[in-house]
C-alpha cells in the first residue's frame, strides 16, 4: 500500500461568503489566516501551529463555487472528521 505523504485541500467559495468560510474553517481546524494573495486578494492559506500548512481558500467571482473535498488524513500533522454540513 502506498503512503500518502502530503495533501492539500483547496476550497473555492463565492466572494460573498468568503469571510464566513474563513471564520468557519479557522474555527474547526484551529488555524489562523495567512496574508491574502492574488490580484483580487482571493487566495489565503490556513496556518496551523506546529504543522505544515495544507488548507487553502479561494474566493470565486462566478457561480456558487465547487464542493469541498475532504478526507480524514494526518498528512498535515492533524486529523479532522468534518460533519456532513461542513461545505460552507
N, C-alpha and C. Protein backbone atom coordinates (compact mmCIF):
# COMPACT_ATOMS: atom_id res chain seq x y z
N UNK A 1 0.84 -1.18 0.00
CA UNK A 1 0.00 0.00 0.00
C UNK A 1 0.89 1.24 0.00
N UNK A 2 0.51 2.22 -0.80
CA UNK A 2 1.24 3.48 -0.84
C UNK A 2 0.88 4.34 0.36
N UNK A 3 1.84 5.08 0.85
CA UNK A 3 1.62 6.01 1.96
C UNK A 3 1.46 7.41 1.40
N UNK A 4 0.39 8.07 1.81
CA UNK A 4 0.21 9.46 1.41
C UNK A 4 1.12 10.30 2.29
N UNK A 5 2.00 11.05 1.69
CA UNK A 5 2.94 11.85 2.45
C UNK A 5 2.55 13.31 2.50
N UNK A 6 1.69 13.74 1.62
CA UNK A 6 1.30 15.15 1.59
C UNK A 6 -0.01 15.28 0.86
N UNK A 7 -0.81 16.21 1.30
CA UNK A 7 -2.06 16.51 0.61
C UNK A 7 -2.41 17.97 0.81
N UNK A 8 -3.16 18.50 -0.09
CA UNK A 8 -3.69 19.86 0.04
C UNK A 8 -5.20 19.79 -0.07
N UNK A 9 -5.85 20.71 0.59
CA UNK A 9 -7.28 20.89 0.43
C UNK A 9 -7.48 22.31 -0.07
N UNK A 10 -8.15 22.43 -1.22
CA UNK A 10 -8.49 23.73 -1.78
C UNK A 10 -10.00 23.87 -1.72
N UNK A 11 -10.46 24.92 -1.10
CA UNK A 11 -11.89 25.18 -1.01
C UNK A 11 -12.20 26.48 -1.74
N UNK A 12 -12.98 26.38 -2.80
CA UNK A 12 -13.42 27.57 -3.54
C UNK A 12 -14.78 28.00 -2.99
N UNK A 13 -14.87 29.25 -2.58
CA UNK A 13 -16.12 29.77 -2.03
C UNK A 13 -16.46 31.07 -2.75
N UNK A 14 -17.74 31.38 -2.89
CA UNK A 14 -18.11 32.65 -3.51
C UNK A 14 -17.57 33.82 -2.68
N UNK A 15 -17.14 34.89 -3.35
CA UNK A 15 -16.63 36.05 -2.61
C UNK A 15 -17.60 36.52 -1.54
N UNK A 16 -18.89 36.48 -1.84
CA UNK A 16 -19.89 36.95 -0.89
C UNK A 16 -19.96 36.12 0.39
N UNK A 17 -19.42 34.91 0.36
CA UNK A 17 -19.43 34.04 1.55
C UNK A 17 -18.02 33.70 2.03
N UNK A 18 -17.01 34.36 1.47
CA UNK A 18 -15.63 34.02 1.80
C UNK A 18 -15.31 34.30 3.27
N UNK A 19 -15.75 35.43 3.80
CA UNK A 19 -15.49 35.74 5.21
C UNK A 19 -16.12 34.70 6.13
N UNK A 20 -17.32 34.26 5.79
CA UNK A 20 -18.00 33.21 6.57
C UNK A 20 -17.21 31.90 6.53
N UNK A 21 -16.74 31.56 5.33
CA UNK A 21 -15.94 30.33 5.18
C UNK A 21 -14.62 30.44 5.96
N UNK A 22 -13.99 31.59 5.92
CA UNK A 22 -12.74 31.78 6.67
C UNK A 22 -12.97 31.60 8.16
N UNK A 23 -14.03 32.20 8.68
CA UNK A 23 -14.34 32.07 10.11
C UNK A 23 -14.63 30.62 10.47
N UNK A 24 -15.41 29.95 9.65
CA UNK A 24 -15.76 28.55 9.91
C UNK A 24 -14.52 27.66 9.90
N UNK A 25 -13.72 27.72 8.82
CA UNK A 25 -12.59 26.82 8.68
C UNK A 25 -11.49 27.09 9.69
N UNK A 26 -11.24 28.34 10.04
CA UNK A 26 -10.23 28.58 11.08
C UNK A 26 -10.71 28.06 12.43
N UNK A 27 -12.01 28.16 12.69
CA UNK A 27 -12.55 27.66 13.97
C UNK A 27 -12.49 26.13 14.06
N UNK A 28 -12.92 25.43 13.03
CA UNK A 28 -12.95 23.96 13.11
C UNK A 28 -11.59 23.32 12.97
N UNK A 29 -10.62 24.02 12.40
CA UNK A 29 -9.28 23.44 12.23
C UNK A 29 -8.25 24.00 13.20
N UNK A 30 -8.62 25.02 13.98
CA UNK A 30 -7.66 25.60 14.92
C UNK A 30 -6.50 26.30 14.23
N UNK A 31 -6.79 26.94 13.10
CA UNK A 31 -5.74 27.61 12.33
C UNK A 31 -5.96 29.12 12.35
N UNK A 32 -5.03 29.84 11.72
CA UNK A 32 -5.16 31.29 11.54
C UNK A 32 -4.89 31.58 10.07
N UNK A 33 -5.36 32.73 9.60
CA UNK A 33 -5.21 33.08 8.19
C UNK A 33 -3.82 33.64 7.89
N UNK A 34 -3.30 33.28 6.73
CA UNK A 34 -2.07 33.89 6.22
C UNK A 34 -2.43 35.25 5.65
N UNK A 35 -1.46 35.92 5.07
CA UNK A 35 -1.76 37.13 4.32
C UNK A 35 -2.50 36.77 3.03
N UNK A 36 -3.32 37.67 2.56
CA UNK A 36 -4.07 37.43 1.34
C UNK A 36 -3.16 37.64 0.13
N UNK A 37 -3.42 36.87 -0.93
CA UNK A 37 -2.62 36.93 -2.14
C UNK A 37 -3.55 36.99 -3.35
N UNK A 38 -2.97 37.33 -4.46
CA UNK A 38 -3.70 37.32 -5.71
C UNK A 38 -4.12 38.71 -6.15
N UNK A 39 -4.47 38.80 -7.40
CA UNK A 39 -4.85 40.07 -8.00
C UNK A 39 -6.03 40.73 -7.27
N UNK A 40 -6.97 39.91 -6.82
CA UNK A 40 -8.14 40.42 -6.09
C UNK A 40 -8.10 40.04 -4.60
N UNK A 41 -6.90 39.66 -4.13
CA UNK A 41 -6.76 39.20 -2.75
C UNK A 41 -7.68 38.01 -2.47
N UNK A 42 -7.74 37.11 -3.45
CA UNK A 42 -8.69 36.00 -3.38
C UNK A 42 -8.13 34.72 -2.79
N UNK A 43 -6.83 34.64 -2.53
CA UNK A 43 -6.21 33.43 -2.00
C UNK A 43 -5.75 33.63 -0.57
N UNK A 44 -5.97 32.62 0.26
CA UNK A 44 -5.49 32.66 1.64
C UNK A 44 -5.21 31.23 2.09
N UNK A 45 -4.18 31.06 2.88
CA UNK A 45 -3.82 29.75 3.44
C UNK A 45 -4.16 29.74 4.91
N UNK A 46 -4.64 28.61 5.41
CA UNK A 46 -4.92 28.45 6.83
C UNK A 46 -3.67 27.88 7.48
N UNK A 47 -3.13 28.59 8.44
CA UNK A 47 -1.84 28.23 9.04
C UNK A 47 -2.03 27.55 10.40
N UNK A 48 -1.61 26.31 10.53
CA UNK A 48 -1.66 25.63 11.82
C UNK A 48 -0.39 25.90 12.62
N UNK A 49 -0.48 25.78 13.92
CA UNK A 49 0.71 25.85 14.77
C UNK A 49 1.34 24.47 14.82
N UNK A 50 2.62 24.39 14.56
CA UNK A 50 3.35 23.13 14.71
C UNK A 50 3.14 22.11 13.61
N UNK A 51 2.60 22.52 12.48
CA UNK A 51 2.41 21.60 11.35
C UNK A 51 2.54 22.38 10.06
N UNK A 52 2.71 21.67 8.97
CA UNK A 52 2.81 22.33 7.67
C UNK A 52 1.42 22.75 7.19
N UNK A 53 1.30 23.91 6.58
CA UNK A 53 0.00 24.35 6.06
C UNK A 53 -0.42 23.52 4.85
N UNK A 54 -1.69 23.16 4.81
CA UNK A 54 -2.18 22.37 3.68
C UNK A 54 -3.62 22.70 3.31
N UNK A 55 -4.22 23.67 3.98
CA UNK A 55 -5.59 24.08 3.68
C UNK A 55 -5.58 25.47 3.09
N UNK A 56 -6.25 25.62 1.94
CA UNK A 56 -6.26 26.92 1.26
C UNK A 56 -7.69 27.26 0.87
N UNK A 57 -8.02 28.54 0.94
CA UNK A 57 -9.33 29.03 0.49
C UNK A 57 -9.12 29.98 -0.67
N UNK A 58 -10.09 29.98 -1.57
CA UNK A 58 -10.06 30.89 -2.70
C UNK A 58 -11.44 31.49 -2.89
N UNK A 59 -11.50 32.80 -3.04
CA UNK A 59 -12.75 33.47 -3.36
C UNK A 59 -13.04 33.35 -4.84
N UNK A 60 -14.27 32.98 -5.18
CA UNK A 60 -14.66 32.81 -6.56
C UNK A 60 -15.68 33.87 -6.94
N UNK A 61 -15.48 34.48 -8.09
CA UNK A 61 -16.40 35.54 -8.51
C UNK A 61 -17.52 35.03 -9.40
N UNK A 62 -17.48 33.75 -9.78
CA UNK A 62 -18.53 33.20 -10.62
C UNK A 62 -19.14 31.97 -9.99
N UNK A 63 -20.41 31.75 -10.22
CA UNK A 63 -21.08 30.55 -9.75
C UNK A 63 -21.21 30.48 -8.25
N UNK A 64 -21.51 29.31 -7.79
CA UNK A 64 -21.70 29.08 -6.36
C UNK A 64 -20.50 28.40 -5.74
N UNK A 65 -19.46 28.20 -6.51
CA UNK A 65 -18.22 27.53 -6.10
C UNK A 65 -18.46 26.02 -6.02
N UNK A 66 -17.40 25.30 -6.15
CA UNK A 66 -17.50 23.85 -6.18
C UNK A 66 -17.55 23.24 -4.80
N UNK A 67 -17.76 21.94 -4.75
CA UNK A 67 -17.79 21.26 -3.45
C UNK A 67 -16.40 21.24 -2.82
N UNK A 68 -16.37 21.10 -1.52
CA UNK A 68 -15.11 20.98 -0.80
C UNK A 68 -14.83 19.50 -0.64
N UNK A 69 -13.67 19.08 -1.06
CA UNK A 69 -13.31 17.68 -0.94
C UNK A 69 -12.41 17.52 0.29
N UNK A 70 -12.84 16.67 1.18
CA UNK A 70 -12.10 16.48 2.42
C UNK A 70 -11.86 15.00 2.66
N UNK A 71 -10.95 14.70 3.56
CA UNK A 71 -10.72 13.34 3.99
C UNK A 71 -10.20 13.39 5.42
N UNK A 72 -10.25 12.26 6.09
CA UNK A 72 -9.65 12.21 7.42
C UNK A 72 -8.24 11.67 7.25
N UNK A 73 -7.29 12.57 7.24
CA UNK A 73 -5.90 12.23 6.97
C UNK A 73 -5.02 12.93 7.97
N UNK A 74 -3.88 12.36 8.24
CA UNK A 74 -2.93 13.02 9.14
C UNK A 74 -1.75 13.59 8.36
N UNK A 75 -1.89 13.75 7.07
CA UNK A 75 -0.77 14.20 6.27
C UNK A 75 -0.38 15.64 6.54
N UNK A 76 -1.25 16.41 7.16
CA UNK A 76 -0.93 17.79 7.50
C UNK A 76 -0.48 17.91 8.95
N UNK A 77 -0.31 16.81 9.61
CA UNK A 77 0.05 16.86 11.02
C UNK A 77 -1.17 16.92 11.92
N UNK A 78 -2.36 16.84 11.34
CA UNK A 78 -3.60 16.87 12.10
C UNK A 78 -4.59 15.91 11.45
N UNK A 79 -5.60 15.53 12.20
CA UNK A 79 -6.66 14.69 11.65
C UNK A 79 -7.99 15.35 11.96
N UNK A 80 -8.83 15.46 10.93
CA UNK A 80 -10.15 16.07 11.12
C UNK A 80 -11.21 15.14 10.61
N UNK A 81 -12.31 15.07 11.32
CA UNK A 81 -13.51 14.42 10.81
C UNK A 81 -14.55 15.51 10.75
N UNK A 82 -14.91 15.90 9.56
CA UNK A 82 -15.79 17.05 9.38
C UNK A 82 -17.23 16.58 9.24
N UNK A 83 -18.16 17.35 9.81
CA UNK A 83 -19.58 17.00 9.70
C UNK A 83 -20.06 17.13 8.26
N UNK A 84 -21.14 16.43 7.89
CA UNK A 84 -21.62 16.50 6.51
C UNK A 84 -21.97 17.90 6.04
N UNK A 85 -22.36 18.80 6.93
CA UNK A 85 -22.75 20.16 6.52
C UNK A 85 -21.57 21.12 6.54
N UNK A 86 -20.35 20.61 6.49
CA UNK A 86 -19.17 21.48 6.61
C UNK A 86 -18.80 22.20 5.33
N UNK A 87 -19.51 22.00 4.27
CA UNK A 87 -19.18 22.66 2.99
C UNK A 87 -19.72 24.08 2.98
N UNK A 88 -19.18 24.92 3.83
CA UNK A 88 -19.67 26.28 3.95
C UNK A 88 -19.03 27.17 2.94
